[in-house]
Amino acid sequence: MAMYVRVKRNKTTYFVQCDPTETTLDIKQKLQNLIDQPSNNQRLTLVATNDVLDDSKTLAEQKTTMSLRKCTLHNLKP
């Protein structure tokens, strides 16, 4: 079941197609191609709860399938 995740970074919004079986790291690698920022310098958080997503877990394992409507991308290094 494909889904789209909306990721906000500064004043730009990205829509990333993903699957609940993908890990957070998979999503970060997709974002890396869009924003030219290495995945190890990214942190994805849920807007509603401010929970940081774990890179090694799938979206389904983190039970974010329904709540992962909005994420915020934080740069860990300038």
N, C-alpha and C. Protein backbone atom coordinates (compact mmCIF):
# COMPACT_ATOMS: atom_id res chain seq x y z
N MET A 1 0.84 -1.17 0.00
CA MET A 1 0.00 0.00 0.00
C MET A 1 0.89 1.24 0.00
N ALA A 2 1.00 1.89 -1.13
CA ALA A 2 1.82 3.09 -1.24
C ALA A 2 1.13 4.27 -0.57
N MET A 3 1.95 5.15 -0.05
CA MET A 3 1.42 6.35 0.60
C MET A 3 2.39 7.49 0.33
N TYR A 4 1.94 8.69 0.54
CA TYR A 4 2.79 9.85 0.40
C TYR A 4 3.02 10.49 1.75
N VAL A 5 4.26 10.86 1.98
CA VAL A 5 4.63 11.54 3.21
C VAL A 5 4.97 12.98 2.84
N ARG A 6 4.41 13.89 3.58
CA ARG A 6 4.72 15.31 3.35
C ARG A 6 5.82 15.71 4.32
N VAL A 7 6.92 16.18 3.76
CA VAL A 7 8.08 16.57 4.56
C VAL A 7 8.32 18.06 4.35
N LYS A 8 8.37 18.79 5.45
CA LYS A 8 8.63 20.23 5.38
C LYS A 8 10.05 20.49 5.83
N ARG A 9 10.71 21.33 5.06
CA ARG A 9 12.08 21.74 5.39
C ARG A 9 12.18 23.22 5.09
N ASN A 10 12.41 23.99 6.12
CA ASN A 10 12.41 25.45 5.99
C ASN A 10 11.08 25.88 5.39
N LYS A 11 11.11 26.50 4.23
CA LYS A 11 9.86 26.95 3.60
C LYS A 11 9.48 26.09 2.40
N THR A 12 10.08 24.92 2.28
CA THR A 12 9.82 24.04 1.16
C THR A 12 9.14 22.77 1.64
N THR A 13 8.17 22.30 0.86
CA THR A 13 7.46 21.06 1.18
C THR A 13 7.75 20.03 0.10
N TYR A 14 8.07 18.82 0.54
CA TYR A 14 8.34 17.70 -0.38
C TYR A 14 7.31 16.62 -0.12
N PHE A 15 6.89 15.95 -1.18
CA PHE A 15 6.01 14.80 -1.07
C PHE A 15 6.80 13.58 -1.53
N VAL A 16 6.94 12.62 -0.63
CA VAL A 16 7.75 11.44 -0.91
C VAL A 16 6.84 10.22 -0.90
N GLN A 17 6.88 9.46 -1.99
CA GLN A 17 6.09 8.23 -2.04
C GLN A 17 6.86 7.14 -1.30
N CYS A 18 6.16 6.43 -0.44
CA CYS A 18 6.80 5.36 0.33
C CYS A 18 5.78 4.28 0.65
N ASP A 19 6.27 3.25 1.30
CA ASP A 19 5.46 2.11 1.68
C ASP A 19 5.64 1.88 3.17
N PRO A 20 4.64 1.40 3.89
CA PRO A 20 4.79 1.16 5.32
C PRO A 20 5.91 0.19 5.68
N THR A 21 6.36 -0.61 4.72
CA THR A 21 7.45 -1.55 4.98
C THR A 21 8.83 -0.92 4.83
N GLU A 22 8.89 0.32 4.37
CA GLU A 22 10.17 1.01 4.24
C GLU A 22 10.61 1.56 5.59
N THR A 23 11.92 1.63 5.76
CA THR A 23 12.47 2.19 6.99
C THR A 23 12.58 3.70 6.86
N THR A 24 12.77 4.34 7.98
CA THR A 24 12.99 5.79 7.98
C THR A 24 14.23 6.12 7.19
N LEU A 25 15.25 5.27 7.27
CA LEU A 25 16.48 5.49 6.51
C LEU A 25 16.20 5.47 5.01
N ASP A 26 15.32 4.58 4.55
CA ASP A 26 14.93 4.55 3.13
C ASP A 26 14.35 5.89 2.70
N ILE A 27 13.51 6.46 3.53
CA ILE A 27 12.89 7.74 3.21
C ILE A 27 13.94 8.85 3.19
N LYS A 28 14.85 8.79 4.14
CA LYS A 28 15.93 9.79 4.18
C LYS A 28 16.80 9.71 2.93
N GLN A 29 17.03 8.50 2.43
CA GLN A 29 17.82 8.35 1.22
C GLN A 29 17.09 8.91 0.00
N LYS A 30 15.77 8.77 -0.02
CA LYS A 30 15.00 9.39 -1.10
C LYS A 30 15.10 10.91 -1.00
N LEU A 31 15.02 11.43 0.21
CA LEU A 31 15.14 12.88 0.41
C LEU A 31 16.52 13.39 0.05
N GLN A 32 17.53 12.57 0.28
CA GLN A 32 18.91 12.96 -0.03
C GLN A 32 19.02 13.34 -1.50
N ASN A 33 18.35 12.61 -2.37
CA ASN A 33 18.38 12.92 -3.79
C ASN A 33 17.69 14.24 -4.11
N LEU A 34 16.70 14.60 -3.31
CA LEU A 34 15.95 15.83 -3.56
C LEU A 34 16.63 17.07 -2.98
N ILE A 35 17.21 16.93 -1.80
CA ILE A 35 17.70 18.13 -1.09
C ILE A 35 19.22 18.22 -1.03
N ASP A 36 19.91 17.21 -1.55
CA ASP A 36 21.37 17.22 -1.56
C ASP A 36 21.94 17.33 -0.14
N GLN A 37 21.33 16.61 0.78
CA GLN A 37 21.77 16.57 2.19
C GLN A 37 21.92 15.10 2.56
N PRO A 38 23.11 14.66 2.99
CA PRO A 38 23.31 13.25 3.33
C PRO A 38 22.30 12.76 4.38
N SER A 39 21.89 11.52 4.23
CA SER A 39 20.87 10.98 5.13
C SER A 39 21.32 10.95 6.59
N ASN A 40 22.62 10.82 6.83
CA ASN A 40 23.09 10.81 8.22
C ASN A 40 23.08 12.20 8.85
N ASN A 41 22.80 13.23 8.05
CA ASN A 41 22.67 14.60 8.56
C ASN A 41 21.21 15.03 8.64
N GLN A 42 20.30 14.07 8.53
CA GLN A 42 18.87 14.37 8.57
C GLN A 42 18.24 13.74 9.82
N ARG A 43 17.19 14.38 10.28
CA ARG A 43 16.38 13.82 11.36
C ARG A 43 14.93 14.09 11.01
N LEU A 44 14.12 13.05 10.97
CA LEU A 44 12.70 13.20 10.67
C LEU A 44 11.91 13.11 11.96
N THR A 45 11.03 14.08 12.16
CA THR A 45 10.17 14.07 13.34
C THR A 45 8.73 14.22 12.90
N LEU A 46 7.83 13.62 13.68
CA LEU A 46 6.41 13.78 13.43
C LEU A 46 5.98 15.13 13.98
N VAL A 47 5.25 15.88 13.20
CA VAL A 47 4.81 17.21 13.61
C VAL A 47 3.88 17.14 14.82
N ALA A 48 2.95 16.21 14.80
CA ALA A 48 1.93 16.15 15.85
C ALA A 48 2.51 15.83 17.22
N THR A 49 3.55 14.98 17.26
CA THR A 49 4.05 14.51 18.55
C THR A 49 5.50 14.90 18.82
N ASN A 50 6.19 15.41 17.83
CA ASN A 50 7.63 15.71 17.91
C ASN A 50 8.48 14.47 18.15
N ASP A 51 7.94 13.29 17.88
CA ASP A 51 8.71 12.05 18.01
C ASP A 51 9.71 11.96 16.86
N VAL A 52 10.95 11.60 17.19
CA VAL A 52 11.98 11.39 16.18
C VAL A 52 11.84 9.96 15.68
N LEU A 53 11.80 9.79 14.35
CA LEU A 53 11.66 8.46 13.78
C LEU A 53 13.00 7.73 13.80
N ASP A 54 12.94 6.44 14.15
CA ASP A 54 14.13 5.60 14.25
C ASP A 54 14.51 5.10 12.86
N ASP A 55 15.77 5.32 12.46
CA ASP A 55 16.22 4.95 11.12
C ASP A 55 16.07 3.46 10.80
N SER A 56 16.26 2.60 11.78
CA SER A 56 16.28 1.17 11.51
C SER A 56 14.89 0.53 11.50
N LYS A 57 13.88 1.26 11.92
CA LYS A 57 12.53 0.69 11.99
C LYS A 57 11.70 1.10 10.78
N THR A 58 10.77 0.21 10.42
CA THR A 58 9.86 0.53 9.33
C THR A 58 8.79 1.50 9.84
N LEU A 59 8.10 2.11 8.91
CA LEU A 59 7.01 3.01 9.30
C LEU A 59 5.93 2.24 10.04
N ALA A 60 5.66 1.02 9.59
CA ALA A 60 4.64 0.20 10.25
C ALA A 60 5.05 -0.15 11.68
N GLU A 61 6.33 -0.47 11.89
CA GLU A 61 6.81 -0.81 13.24
C GLU A 61 6.66 0.38 14.19
N GLN A 62 6.79 1.57 13.64
CA GLN A 62 6.69 2.77 14.47
C GLN A 62 5.26 3.26 14.56
N LYS A 63 4.35 2.47 13.96
CA LYS A 63 2.92 2.78 13.99
C LYS A 63 2.64 4.19 13.50
N THR A 64 3.36 4.56 12.45
CA THR A 64 3.18 5.90 11.90
C THR A 64 2.39 5.87 10.60
N THR A 65 1.89 4.71 10.22
CA THR A 65 1.22 4.59 8.94
C THR A 65 0.09 5.59 8.77
N MET A 66 -0.72 5.77 9.79
CA MET A 66 -1.84 6.69 9.68
C MET A 66 -1.45 8.11 10.11
N SER A 67 -0.54 8.21 11.06
CA SER A 67 -0.22 9.54 11.59
C SER A 67 0.90 10.23 10.83
N LEU A 68 1.56 9.52 9.92
CA LEU A 68 2.69 10.11 9.20
C LEU A 68 2.18 10.93 8.03
N ARG A 69 1.45 11.94 8.34
CA ARG A 69 0.95 12.86 7.33
C ARG A 69 1.92 14.02 7.16
N LYS A 70 2.51 14.44 8.27
CA LYS A 70 3.42 15.57 8.23
C LYS A 70 4.69 15.21 9.00
N CYS A 71 5.81 15.46 8.39
CA CYS A 71 7.09 15.28 9.04
C CYS A 71 7.88 16.56 8.87
N THR A 72 8.81 16.76 9.75
CA THR A 72 9.72 17.89 9.63
C THR A 72 11.12 17.34 9.50
N LEU A 73 11.85 17.90 8.55
CA LEU A 73 13.23 17.49 8.31
C LEU A 73 14.15 18.48 9.00
N HIS A 74 15.02 17.98 9.86
CA HIS A 74 15.97 18.82 10.55
C HIS A 74 17.37 18.49 10.03
N ASN A 75 18.15 19.50 9.74
CA ASN A 75 19.55 19.30 9.40
C ASN A 75 20.35 19.20 10.67
N LEU A 76 21.10 18.14 10.80
CA LEU A 76 21.91 17.98 12.01
C LEU A 76 23.22 18.73 11.92
N LYS A 77 23.69 18.93 10.68
CA LYS A 77 24.93 19.69 10.48
C LYS A 77 24.65 20.78 9.46
N PRO A 78 25.19 21.98 9.67
CA PRO A 78 24.95 23.06 8.72
C PRO A 78 25.60 22.82 7.38
